[in-house]
Amino acid sequence: MHTPLERNIEFEQKGNDILTIGEVLIDMISDEYVKGDGSTTYRNYFGGSPANIAMNAKKLGIHSIVASAVGNDGMGRFLINHLNEEGIESGLVQKVDTSTSMVVVTKSKGTPIPIFYRGADYQIEYTQKLEKALLDSKIVHFSCWPISMEPARQTINKVLEVASENGILISFDPNYHPLIWQKGENGIEYVKSIIRKVDIIKPSEDDAERLFGKDIPENQLQKFFGLGAKLVIMTLGKDGAIVSNGKEIIRLDSLATEVVDTTGAGDAFWSGFYTALIKGYTIREALQLGSASSAFKLKYTGAVANLPKLENLKELYGL
């Protein structure tokens, strides 16, 4: 699939627009910007990249469902309650007898450096209920978290198989980080093996560097295509993004005018991009609206901002 960037993607009529699968967890973010060894004061925020995308997409105006696993504890209940309050169906969030996962982040105007405490998030299992939701969705999205440990890895493998057989658009966030993989396992090679199985991949510049080493963005794109990628969107922070379908390359300028907290900026990009695709915009237009969504989020602390409807966002950024 080398879809021209000036075309839209046609979807079958389904009951749900996007199903995100992976971690729902607590983001503990510092109150202040700190250089060095952390802060003394942190606040808990709703977190987890797939969950952030589902929440943002709902705010932007499409229907989303998140599949995950949380602990049968206070933090797990906090996360489920938050999903319910935001109107996100939580029936696919499995409750397990392991503590809810947590990420501790010191607030940053650059790339935040996280500390991971993993428990329930990788316990998600493939169920009939999950399969039913998958088959009724237009897009399925996942990240490195569920493929980094069992049994979630097998769950994602089954999801990829079923989605591919049924023409569901598959998107992958290759947010590889060595600390979420078990010692002794070659996570980089596993991530590379997944790339050919997906339709859209959106690495950040840091993600690409972790997978391939340091290089210029144009060369990094070619490395993804060498592994079977079909559409690559590489976000470059303040420098915007570079995008290719294997035949043409375009650059997008950042629309950000104010940066308060970078946590969740990539998730906001995904959300705007997906919402625009679902609403019939071309890939190029969807990329612009993803940039606008990210720029809006950067003005607020926490992974999920109170995004406006997509049409209002478009007007706000003059797109």
C-alpha atoms as a PDB file:
ATOM      1  CA  MET A   1       0.000   0.000   0.000  1.00  0.00           C
ATOM      2  CA  HIS A   2       1.751   3.127  -1.241  1.00  0.00           C
ATOM      3  CA  THR A   3      -1.293   5.386  -1.015  1.00  0.00           C
ATOM      4  CA  PRO A   4      -0.687   8.827  -2.600  1.00  0.00           C
ATOM      5  CA  LEU A   5      -0.519  11.513   0.075  1.00  0.00           C
ATOM      6  CA  GLU A   6      -3.109  13.601  -1.784  1.00  0.00           C
ATOM      7  CA  ARG A   7      -5.722  10.859  -1.442  1.00  0.00           C
ATOM      8  CA  ASN A   8      -7.991   9.901   1.422  1.00  0.00           C
ATOM      9  CA  ILE A   9      -8.391   6.395   2.835  1.00  0.00           C
ATOM     10  CA  GLU A  10     -11.753   4.721   2.372  1.00  0.00           C
ATOM     11  CA  PHE A  11     -13.091   2.736   5.320  1.00  0.00           C
ATOM     12  CA  GLU A  12     -15.862   0.165   5.591  1.00  0.00           C
ATOM     13  CA  GLN A  13     -18.838   1.189   7.681  1.00  0.00           C
ATOM     14  CA  LYS A  14     -18.162   0.015  11.247  1.00  0.00           C
ATOM     15  CA  GLY A  15     -19.606   0.701  14.671  1.00  0.00           C
ATOM     16  CA  ASN A  16     -16.302   2.016  16.045  1.00  0.00           C
ATOM     17  CA  ASP A  17     -13.668   4.270  14.479  1.00  0.00           C
ATOM     18  CA  ILE A  18     -10.480   3.399  16.368  1.00  0.00           C
ATOM     19  CA  LEU A  19      -9.479   0.659  18.794  1.00  0.00           C
ATOM     20  CA  THR A  20      -6.285   1.354  20.736  1.00  0.00           C
ATOM     21  CA  ILE A  21      -4.620  -1.570  22.515  1.00  0.00           C
ATOM     22  CA  GLY A  22      -1.965  -1.315  25.189  1.00  0.00           C
ATOM     23  CA  GLU A  23      -1.129   0.450  28.409  1.00  0.00           C
ATOM     24  CA  VAL A  24      -3.489   2.430  30.601  1.00  0.00           C
ATOM     25  CA  LEU A  25      -1.372   3.672  33.481  1.00  0.00           C
ATOM     26  CA  ILE A  26      -0.578   6.446  35.919  1.00  0.00           C
ATOM     27  CA  ASP A  27       1.688   9.286  34.790  1.00  0.00           C
ATOM     28  CA  MET A  28       3.331  10.808  37.868  1.00  0.00           C
ATOM     29  CA  ILE A  29       4.554  14.199  36.608  1.00  0.00           C
ATOM     30  CA  SER A  30       6.601  16.675  38.639  1.00  0.00           C
ATOM     31  CA  ASP A  31       5.108  20.033  39.555  1.00  0.00           C
ATOM     32  CA  GLU A  32       8.252  21.902  38.527  1.00  0.00           C
ATOM     33  CA  TYR A  33      10.915  21.722  35.823  1.00  0.00           C
ATOM     34  CA  VAL A  34      13.992  20.036  37.272  1.00  0.00           C
ATOM     35  CA  LYS A  35      17.469  19.341  35.955  1.00  0.00           C
ATOM     36  CA  GLY A  36      19.204  16.367  37.533  1.00  0.00           C
ATOM     37  CA  ASP A  37      17.728  13.792  39.865  1.00  0.00           C
ATOM     38  CA  GLY A  38      14.065  14.573  39.990  1.00  0.00           C
ATOM     39  CA  SER A  39      11.557  16.518  42.009  1.00  0.00           C
ATOM     40  CA  THR A  40      10.055  16.351  45.484  1.00  0.00           C
ATOM     41  CA  THR A  41       6.489  16.935  44.325  1.00  0.00           C
ATOM     42  CA  TYR A  42       4.576  14.878  41.749  1.00  0.00           C
ATOM     43  CA  ARG A  43       0.923  14.689  40.738  1.00  0.00           C
ATOM     44  CA  ASN A  44      -0.835  11.707  39.225  1.00  0.00           C
ATOM     45  CA  TYR A  45      -2.358  12.049  35.757  1.00  0.00           C
ATOM     46  CA  PHE A  46      -4.249   9.660  33.533  1.00  0.00           C
ATOM     47  CA  GLY A  47      -1.654   8.135  31.194  1.00  0.00           C
ATOM     48  CA  GLY A  48      -0.657   5.482  28.705  1.00  0.00           C
ATOM     49  CA  SER A  49      -0.184   6.313  25.046  1.00  0.00           C
ATOM     50  CA  PRO A  50      -3.026   4.198  23.539  1.00  0.00           C
ATOM     51  CA  ALA A  51      -5.431   5.472  26.189  1.00  0.00           C
ATOM     52  CA  ASN A  52      -4.334   9.063  25.552  1.00  0.00           C
ATOM     53  CA  ILE A  53      -5.061   8.617  21.848  1.00  0.00           C
ATOM     54  CA  ALA A  54      -8.513   7.186  22.537  1.00  0.00           C
ATOM     55  CA  MET A  55      -9.329  10.079  24.882  1.00  0.00           C
ATOM     56  CA  ASN A  56      -8.053  12.727  22.472  1.00  0.00           C
ATOM     57  CA  ALA A  57      -9.820  11.195  19.473  1.00  0.00           C
ATOM     58  CA  LYS A  58     -13.112  11.231  21.359  1.00  0.00           C
ATOM     59  CA  LYS A  59     -12.659  14.935  22.125  1.00  0.00           C
ATOM     60  CA  LEU A  60     -11.832  15.631  18.486  1.00  0.00           C
ATOM     61  CA  GLY A  61     -15.052  13.990  17.352  1.00  0.00           C
ATOM     62  CA  ILE A  62     -14.733  10.275  16.534  1.00  0.00           C
ATOM     63  CA  HIS A  63     -15.633   7.096  18.404  1.00  0.00           C
ATOM     64  CA  SER A  64     -12.864   5.252  20.209  1.00  0.00           C
ATOM     65  CA  ILE A  65     -12.403   2.215  22.447  1.00  0.00           C
ATOM     66  CA  VAL A  66      -9.356   1.286  24.502  1.00  0.00           C
ATOM     67  CA  ALA A  67      -8.338  -2.291  25.391  1.00  0.00           C
ATOM     68  CA  SER A  68      -5.928  -2.664  28.276  1.00  0.00           C
ATOM     69  CA  ALA A  69      -5.304  -4.192  31.701  1.00  0.00           C
ATOM     70  CA  VAL A  70      -5.114  -2.449  35.080  1.00  0.00           C
ATOM     71  CA  GLY A  71      -4.650  -3.673  38.624  1.00  0.00           C
ATOM     72  CA  ASN A  72      -7.596  -4.397  40.876  1.00  0.00           C
ATOM     73  CA  ASP A  73      -6.504  -1.497  43.073  1.00  0.00           C
ATOM     74  CA  GLY A  74      -7.175   2.178  43.751  1.00  0.00           C
ATOM     75  CA  MET A  75      -5.058   3.400  40.854  1.00  0.00           C
ATOM     76  CA  GLY A  76      -6.799   0.987  38.474  1.00  0.00           C
ATOM     77  CA  ARG A  77     -10.197   2.232  39.632  1.00  0.00           C
ATOM     78  CA  PHE A  78      -9.016   5.841  39.195  1.00  0.00           C
ATOM     79  CA  LEU A  79      -8.104   5.103  35.559  1.00  0.00           C
ATOM     80  CA  ILE A  80     -11.350   3.269  34.767  1.00  0.00           C
ATOM     81  CA  ASN A  81     -13.417   6.010  36.417  1.00  0.00           C
ATOM     82  CA  HIS A  82     -11.565   8.611  34.374  1.00  0.00           C
ATOM     83  CA  LEU A  83     -12.320   6.751  31.136  1.00  0.00           C
ATOM     84  CA  ASN A  84     -15.982   6.504  32.108  1.00  0.00           C
ATOM     85  CA  GLU A  85     -16.150  10.197  32.979  1.00  0.00           C
ATOM     86  CA  GLU A  86     -14.754  11.025  29.532  1.00  0.00           C
ATOM     87  CA  GLY A  87     -17.365   8.845  27.829  1.00  0.00           C
ATOM     88  CA  ILE A  88     -14.860   6.167  26.753  1.00  0.00           C
ATOM     89  CA  GLU A  89     -16.147   2.607  26.938  1.00  0.00           C
ATOM     90  CA  SER A  90     -14.083   0.749  29.579  1.00  0.00           C
ATOM     91  CA  GLY A  91     -15.491  -2.757  29.072  1.00  0.00           C
ATOM     92  CA  LEU A  92     -12.269  -3.882  27.368  1.00  0.00           C
ATOM     93  CA  VAL A  93     -10.069  -2.768  30.273  1.00  0.00           C
ATOM     94  CA  GLN A  94      -9.296  -6.059  32.003  1.00  0.00           C
ATOM     95  CA  LYS A  95      -8.778  -6.118  35.796  1.00  0.00           C
ATOM     96  CA  VAL A  96      -5.900  -8.321  36.961  1.00  0.00           C
ATOM     97  CA  ASP A  97      -4.308  -9.233  40.288  1.00  0.00           C
ATOM     98  CA  THR A  98      -1.149  -7.192  39.705  1.00  0.00           C
ATOM     99  CA  SER A  99      -0.490  -3.573  40.609  1.00  0.00           C
ATOM    100  CA  THR A 100      -1.444  -0.885  38.116  1.00  0.00           C
ATOM    101  CA  SER A 101       1.500   0.261  36.002  1.00  0.00           C
ATOM    102  CA  MET A 102       3.066   3.688  36.538  1.00  0.00           C
ATOM    103  CA  VAL A 103       5.505   6.028  34.789  1.00  0.00           C
ATOM    104  CA  VAL A 104       7.308   8.760  36.732  1.00  0.00           C
ATOM    105  CA  VAL A 105       8.283  11.791  34.624  1.00  0.00           C
ATOM    106  CA  THR A 106      10.060  15.013  35.518  1.00  0.00           C
ATOM    107  CA  LYS A 107       8.330  17.832  33.636  1.00  0.00           C
ATOM    108  CA  SER A 108      10.337  18.903  30.629  1.00  0.00           C
ATOM    109  CA  LYS A 109      10.367  21.326  27.708  1.00  0.00           C
ATOM    110  CA  GLY A 110      12.444  18.789  25.787  1.00  0.00           C
ATOM    111  CA  THR A 111      12.088  15.018  25.616  1.00  0.00           C
ATOM    112  CA  PRO A 112      11.004  13.782  29.087  1.00  0.00           C
ATOM    113  CA  ILE A 113      13.052  10.980  30.677  1.00  0.00           C
ATOM    114  CA  PRO A 114      10.652   8.419  32.198  1.00  0.00           C
ATOM    115  CA  ILE A 115      11.080   5.832  34.966  1.00  0.00           C
ATOM    116  CA  PHE A 116       8.894   2.738  34.435  1.00  0.00           C
ATOM    117  CA  TYR A 117       7.081   0.672  37.083  1.00  0.00           C
ATOM    118  CA  ARG A 118       5.282  -2.080  35.163  1.00  0.00           C
ATOM    119  CA  GLY A 119       2.634  -4.383  36.558  1.00  0.00           C
ATOM    120  CA  ALA A 120      -0.781  -4.947  35.040  1.00  0.00           C
ATOM    121  CA  ASP A 121      -0.348  -3.334  31.621  1.00  0.00           C
ATOM    122  CA  TYR A 122       1.229  -6.341  29.859  1.00  0.00           C
ATOM    123  CA  GLN A 123      -1.319  -8.843  31.216  1.00  0.00           C
ATOM    124  CA  ILE A 124      -3.904  -8.073  28.531  1.00  0.00           C
ATOM    125  CA  GLU A 125      -5.298 -11.237  26.930  1.00  0.00           C
ATOM    126  CA  TYR A 126      -6.978 -11.887  23.596  1.00  0.00           C
ATOM    127  CA  THR A 127     -10.662 -12.563  24.266  1.00  0.00           C
ATOM    128  CA  GLN A 128     -13.832 -12.970  22.203  1.00  0.00           C
ATOM    129  CA  LYS A 129     -14.905  -9.561  23.467  1.00  0.00           C
ATOM    130  CA  LEU A 130     -11.670  -8.002  22.189  1.00  0.00           C
ATOM    131  CA  GLU A 131     -12.003  -9.729  18.824  1.00  0.00           C
ATOM    132  CA  LYS A 132     -15.581  -8.506  18.433  1.00  0.00           C
ATOM    133  CA  ALA A 133     -14.456  -4.918  19.094  1.00  0.00           C
ATOM    134  CA  LEU A 134     -11.550  -5.317  16.672  1.00  0.00           C
ATOM    135  CA  LEU A 135     -13.758  -6.554  13.838  1.00  0.00           C
ATOM    136  CA  ASP A 136     -16.120  -3.620  14.417  1.00  0.00           C
ATOM    137  CA  SER A 137     -13.298  -1.018  14.190  1.00  0.00           C
ATOM    138  CA  LYS A 138     -11.844   0.867  11.211  1.00  0.00           C
ATOM    139  CA  ILE A 139      -8.369   1.409  12.700  1.00  0.00           C
ATOM    140  CA  VAL A 140      -6.384  -0.533  15.305  1.00  0.00           C
ATOM    141  CA  HIS A 141      -3.439   1.121  17.041  1.00  0.00           C
ATOM    142  CA  PHE A 142      -0.728  -0.290  19.320  1.00  0.00           C
ATOM    143  CA  SER A 143       2.724   0.659  20.602  1.00  0.00           C
ATOM    144  CA  CYS A 144       5.881  -1.082  21.841  1.00  0.00           C
ATOM    145  CA  TRP A 145       4.520  -1.583  25.337  1.00  0.00           C
ATOM    146  CA  PRO A 146       2.265  -4.592  24.678  1.00  0.00           C
ATOM    147  CA  ILE A 147       4.757  -6.300  22.358  1.00  0.00           C
ATOM    148  CA  SER A 148       7.582  -6.026  24.899  1.00  0.00           C
ATOM    149  CA  MET A 149       6.269  -8.721  27.281  1.00  0.00           C
ATOM    150  CA  GLU A 150       4.037 -11.794  27.375  1.00  0.00           C
ATOM    151  CA  PRO A 151       1.095 -12.438  27.361  1.00  0.00           C
ATOM    152  CA  ALA A 152       0.363  -9.066  25.712  1.00  0.00           C
ATOM    153  CA  ARG A 153       2.777  -9.869  22.864  1.00  0.00           C
ATOM    154  CA  GLN A 154       0.732 -12.892  21.814  1.00  0.00           C
ATOM    155  CA  THR A 155      -2.409 -10.774  22.098  1.00  0.00           C
ATOM    156  CA  ILE A 156      -0.992  -8.233  19.644  1.00  0.00           C
ATOM    157  CA  ASN A 157       0.210 -10.975  17.281  1.00  0.00           C
ATOM    158  CA  LYS A 158      -3.340 -12.317  17.117  1.00  0.00           C
ATOM    159  CA  VAL A 159      -4.717  -8.794  16.630  1.00  0.00           C
ATOM    160  CA  LEU A 160      -2.339  -8.224  13.701  1.00  0.00           C
ATOM    161  CA  GLU A 161      -3.386 -11.501  12.092  1.00  0.00           C
ATOM    162  CA  VAL A 162      -7.122 -10.843  12.414  1.00  0.00           C
ATOM    163  CA  ALA A 163      -6.845  -7.154  11.408  1.00  0.00           C
ATOM    164  CA  SER A 164      -4.819  -8.011   8.309  1.00  0.00           C
ATOM    165  CA  GLU A 165      -7.281 -10.705   7.241  1.00  0.00           C
ATOM    166  CA  ASN A 166     -10.202  -8.291   7.606  1.00  0.00           C
ATOM    167  CA  GLY A 167      -8.851  -5.133   5.980  1.00  0.00           C
ATOM    168  CA  ILE A 168      -8.552  -3.127   9.214  1.00  0.00           C
ATOM    169  CA  LEU A 169      -5.982  -0.307   9.056  1.00  0.00           C
ATOM    170  CA  ILE A 170      -3.061  -1.152  11.386  1.00  0.00           C
ATOM    171  CA  SER A 171      -0.976   1.592  12.990  1.00  0.00           C
ATOM    172  CA  PHE A 172       2.125   1.149  15.136  1.00  0.00           C
ATOM    173  CA  ASP A 173       3.932   3.575  17.424  1.00  0.00           C
ATOM    174  CA  PRO A 174       7.516   2.207  17.569  1.00  0.00           C
ATOM    175  CA  ASN A 175       8.264   3.921  20.898  1.00  0.00           C
ATOM    176  CA  TYR A 176      11.086   1.513  21.724  1.00  0.00           C
ATOM    177  CA  HIS A 177      12.749   2.044  25.089  1.00  0.00           C
ATOM    178  CA  PRO A 178      15.193  -0.577  26.438  1.00  0.00           C
ATOM    179  CA  LEU A 179      13.839  -0.326  29.987  1.00  0.00           C
ATOM    180  CA  ILE A 180      10.409  -1.747  29.074  1.00  0.00           C
ATOM    181  CA  TRP A 181      11.940  -4.955  27.703  1.00  0.00           C
ATOM    182  CA  GLN A 182      13.189  -7.881  29.751  1.00  0.00           C
ATOM    183  CA  LYS A 183      16.941  -8.139  30.210  1.00  0.00           C
ATOM    184  CA  GLY A 184      18.645 -10.307  27.639  1.00  0.00           C
ATOM    185  CA  GLU A 185      15.934  -9.883  25.008  1.00  0.00           C
ATOM    186  CA  ASN A 186      16.668  -8.105  21.736  1.00  0.00           C
ATOM    187  CA  GLY A 187      13.739  -5.702  21.695  1.00  0.00           C
ATOM    188  CA  ILE A 188      15.133  -3.735  18.761  1.00  0.00           C
ATOM    189  CA  GLU A 189      15.069  -6.777  16.475  1.00  0.00           C
ATOM    190  CA  TYR A 190      11.541  -7.652  17.590  1.00  0.00           C
ATOM    191  CA  VAL A 191      10.308  -4.128  16.825  1.00  0.00           C
ATOM    192  CA  LYS A 192      11.943  -4.295  13.396  1.00  0.00           C
ATOM    193  CA  SER A 193      10.163  -7.592  12.694  1.00  0.00           C
ATOM    194  CA  ILE A 194       6.761  -5.977  13.332  1.00  0.00           C
ATOM    195  CA  ILE A 195       7.173  -3.084  10.875  1.00  0.00           C
ATOM    196  CA  ARG A 196       6.263  -5.031   7.719  1.00  0.00           C
ATOM    197  CA  LYS A 197       2.973  -6.111   9.315  1.00  0.00           C
ATOM    198  CA  VAL A 198       1.564  -2.607   9.767  1.00  0.00           C
ATOM    199  CA  ASP A 199       0.122   0.059   7.447  1.00  0.00           C
ATOM    200  CA  ILE A 200       1.272   3.226   9.250  1.00  0.00           C
ATOM    201  CA  ILE A 201       4.240   3.785  11.558  1.00  0.00           C
ATOM    202  CA  LYS A 202       4.995   7.049  13.396  1.00  0.00           C
ATOM    203  CA  PRO A 203       8.426   7.100  15.025  1.00  0.00           C
ATOM    204  CA  SER A 204       9.805  10.170  16.735  1.00  0.00           C
ATOM    205  CA  GLU A 205      13.379  11.148  15.905  1.00  0.00           C
ATOM    206  CA  ASP A 206      14.416   9.631  19.263  1.00  0.00           C
ATOM    207  CA  ASP A 207      12.591   6.365  18.443  1.00  0.00           C
ATOM    208  CA  ALA A 208      14.446   6.088  15.128  1.00  0.00           C
ATOM    209  CA  GLU A 209      17.781   6.761  16.819  1.00  0.00           C
ATOM    210  CA  ARG A 210      17.143   4.026  19.398  1.00  0.00           C
ATOM    211  CA  LEU A 211      16.299   1.550  16.627  1.00  0.00           C
ATOM    212  CA  PHE A 212      18.934   2.451  14.033  1.00  0.00           C
ATOM    213  CA  GLY A 213      21.487   4.787  15.604  1.00  0.00           C
ATOM    214  CA  LYS A 214      21.992   8.464  14.832  1.00  0.00           C
ATOM    215  CA  ASP A 215      21.380   9.611  11.255  1.00  0.00           C
ATOM    216  CA  ILE A 216      19.596  12.299   9.254  1.00  0.00           C
ATOM    217  CA  PRO A 217      15.788  11.934   8.989  1.00  0.00           C
ATOM    218  CA  GLU A 218      15.813  11.126   5.253  1.00  0.00           C
ATOM    219  CA  ASN A 219      18.143   8.177   5.852  1.00  0.00           C
ATOM    220  CA  GLN A 220      16.082   6.975   8.810  1.00  0.00           C
ATOM    221  CA  LEU A 221      12.992   6.902   6.587  1.00  0.00           C
ATOM    222  CA  GLN A 222      14.774   4.618   4.136  1.00  0.00           C
ATOM    223  CA  LYS A 223      15.697   2.215   6.941  1.00  0.00           C
ATOM    224  CA  PHE A 224      12.016   1.850   7.830  1.00  0.00           C
ATOM    225  CA  PHE A 225      11.128   1.198   4.189  1.00  0.00           C
ATOM    226  CA  GLY A 226      13.908  -1.360   4.025  1.00  0.00           C
ATOM    227  CA  LEU A 227      12.024  -3.286   6.733  1.00  0.00           C
ATOM    228  CA  GLY A 228       8.751  -3.224   4.794  1.00  0.00           C
ATOM    229  CA  ALA A 229       7.137   0.001   6.008  1.00  0.00           C
ATOM    230  CA  LYS A 230       4.318   1.446   3.878  1.00  0.00           C
ATOM    231  CA  LEU A 231       3.710   4.936   5.306  1.00  0.00           C
ATOM    232  CA  VAL A 232       6.250   6.507   7.698  1.00  0.00           C
ATOM    233  CA  ILE A 233       5.571   9.669   9.691  1.00  0.00           C
ATOM    234  CA  MET A 234       8.660  10.777  11.620  1.00  0.00           C
ATOM    235  CA  THR A 235       8.054  13.583  14.093  1.00  0.00           C
ATOM    236  CA  LEU A 236      11.016  15.919  14.636  1.00  0.00           C
ATOM    237  CA  GLY A 237       9.950  17.944  17.690  1.00  0.00           C
ATOM    238  CA  LYS A 238      10.284  21.696  17.088  1.00  0.00           C
ATOM    239  CA  ASP A 239      11.308  20.948  13.488  1.00  0.00           C
ATOM    240  CA  GLY A 240       7.908  19.444  12.620  1.00  0.00           C
ATOM    241  CA  ALA A 241       7.812  16.120  10.785  1.00  0.00           C
ATOM    242  CA  ILE A 242       9.000  14.310   7.674  1.00  0.00           C
ATOM    243  CA  VAL A 243       6.633  11.903   5.929  1.00  0.00           C
ATOM    244  CA  SER A 244       6.960   9.378   3.127  1.00  0.00           C
ATOM    245  CA  ASN A 245       4.913   6.673   1.437  1.00  0.00           C
ATOM    246  CA  GLY A 246       8.036   5.234  -0.182  1.00  0.00           C
ATOM    247  CA  LYS A 247       7.604   7.241  -3.369  1.00  0.00           C
ATOM    248  CA  GLU A 248       7.370  10.857  -2.228  1.00  0.00           C
ATOM    249  CA  ILE A 249       8.645  12.768   0.816  1.00  0.00           C
ATOM    250  CA  ILE A 250       7.034  15.830   2.385  1.00  0.00           C
ATOM    251  CA  ARG A 251       8.069  18.000   5.313  1.00  0.00           C
ATOM    252  CA  LEU A 252       5.678  19.557   7.804  1.00  0.00           C
ATOM    253  CA  ASP A 253       6.555  22.628   9.866  1.00  0.00           C
ATOM    254  CA  SER A 254       5.660  22.622  13.542  1.00  0.00           C
ATOM    255  CA  LEU A 255       2.574  24.695  14.380  1.00  0.00           C
ATOM    256  CA  ALA A 256       3.542  25.029  18.061  1.00  0.00           C
ATOM    257  CA  THR A 257       3.770  28.570  19.435  1.00  0.00           C
ATOM    258  CA  GLU A 258       4.002  27.722  23.147  1.00  0.00           C
ATOM    259  CA  VAL A 259       5.530  24.704  24.898  1.00  0.00           C
ATOM    260  CA  VAL A 260       4.496  24.030  28.498  1.00  0.00           C
ATOM    261  CA  ASP A 261       4.835  20.218  28.628  1.00  0.00           C
ATOM    262  CA  THR A 262       5.825  17.777  25.878  1.00  0.00           C
ATOM    263  CA  THR A 263       4.218  14.741  27.537  1.00  0.00           C
ATOM    264  CA  GLY A 264       1.680  13.239  25.131  1.00  0.00           C
ATOM    265  CA  ALA A 265       2.476  15.503  22.177  1.00  0.00           C
ATOM    266  CA  GLY A 266       2.997  12.501  19.903  1.00  0.00           C
ATOM    267  CA  ASP A 267      -0.283  10.967  21.072  1.00  0.00           C
ATOM    268  CA  ALA A 268      -2.088  14.214  20.233  1.00  0.00           C
ATOM    269  CA  PHE A 269      -0.559  14.085  16.739  1.00  0.00           C
ATOM    270  CA  TRP A 270      -1.851  10.529  16.248  1.00  0.00           C
ATOM    271  CA  SER A 271      -5.297  11.585  17.457  1.00  0.00           C
ATOM    272  CA  GLY A 272      -5.642  14.522  15.088  1.00  0.00           C
ATOM    273  CA  PHE A 273      -4.289  12.440  12.206  1.00  0.00           C
ATOM    274  CA  TYR A 274      -6.686   9.534  12.840  1.00  0.00           C
ATOM    275  CA  THR A 275      -9.702  11.787  13.348  1.00  0.00           C
ATOM    276  CA  ALA A 276      -9.007  13.562  10.061  1.00  0.00           C
ATOM    277  CA  LEU A 277      -8.576  10.259   8.182  1.00  0.00           C
ATOM    278  CA  ILE A 278     -11.878   8.963   9.572  1.00  0.00           C
ATOM    279  CA  LYS A 279     -13.608  12.216   8.569  1.00  0.00           C
ATOM    280  CA  GLY A 280     -12.438  11.802   4.969  1.00  0.00           C
ATOM    281  CA  TYR A 281      -9.505  14.218   4.761  1.00  0.00           C
ATOM    282  CA  THR A 282      -6.567  13.346   2.520  1.00  0.00           C
ATOM    283  CA  ILE A 283      -3.423  11.956   4.127  1.00  0.00           C
ATOM    284  CA  ARG A 284      -1.641  15.285   3.630  1.00  0.00           C
ATOM    285  CA  GLU A 285      -4.525  17.215   5.239  1.00  0.00           C
ATOM    286  CA  ALA A 286      -4.679  14.680   8.077  1.00  0.00           C
ATOM    287  CA  LEU A 287      -0.974  15.225   8.739  1.00  0.00           C
ATOM    288  CA  GLN A 288      -1.556  18.974   9.070  1.00  0.00           C
ATOM    289  CA  LEU A 289      -4.422  18.385  11.484  1.00  0.00           C
ATOM    290  CA  GLY A 290      -2.245  15.992  13.471  1.00  0.00           C
ATOM    291  CA  SER A 291       0.336  18.788  13.752  1.00  0.00           C
ATOM    292  CA  ALA A 292      -2.363  21.203  14.916  1.00  0.00           C
ATOM    293  CA  SER A 293      -3.589  18.759  17.545  1.00  0.00           C
ATOM    294  CA  SER A 294      -0.035  18.317  18.848  1.00  0.00           C
ATOM    295  CA  ALA A 295       0.565  22.081  18.937  1.00  0.00           C
ATOM    296  CA  PHE A 296      -2.624  22.611  20.935  1.00  0.00           C
ATOM    297  CA  LYS A 297      -1.649  19.930  23.472  1.00  0.00           C
ATOM    298  CA  LEU A 298       1.838  21.374  24.031  1.00  0.00           C
ATOM    299  CA  LYS A 299       0.281  24.394  25.765  1.00  0.00           C
ATOM    300  CA  TYR A 300      -0.969  22.228  28.668  1.00  0.00           C
ATOM    301  CA  THR A 301       0.492  19.965  31.361  1.00  0.00           C
ATOM    302  CA  GLY A 302      -0.384  16.268  31.231  1.00  0.00           C
ATOM    303  CA  ALA A 303      -0.786  13.804  28.411  1.00  0.00           C
ATOM    304  CA  VAL A 304      -4.405  14.682  27.520  1.00  0.00           C
ATOM    305  CA  ALA A 305      -5.513  18.257  26.834  1.00  0.00           C
ATOM    306  CA  ASN A 306      -9.069  19.491  26.443  1.00  0.00           C
ATOM    307  CA  LEU A 307      -8.924  19.427  22.650  1.00  0.00           C
ATOM    308  CA  PRO A 308     -11.678  21.122  20.630  1.00  0.00           C
ATOM    309  CA  LYS A 309     -13.607  19.361  17.861  1.00  0.00           C
ATOM    310  CA  LEU A 310     -11.491  18.784  14.759  1.00  0.00           C
ATOM    311  CA  GLU A 311     -13.357  21.400  12.726  1.00  0.00           C
ATOM    312  CA  ASN A 312     -12.686  24.028  15.427  1.00  0.00           C
ATOM    313  CA  LEU A 313      -9.032  23.000  15.585  1.00  0.00           C
ATOM    314  CA  LYS A 314      -8.777  23.410  11.810  1.00  0.00           C
ATOM    315  CA  GLU A 315     -10.193  26.904  12.054  1.00  0.00           C
ATOM    316  CA  LEU A 316      -7.977  27.803  15.023  1.00  0.00           C
ATOM    317  CA  TYR A 317      -4.809  27.006  13.068  1.00  0.00           C
ATOM    318  CA  GLY A 318      -6.049  28.356   9.744  1.00  0.00           C
ATOM    319  CA  LEU A 319      -5.893  25.012   7.923  1.00  0.00           C
END
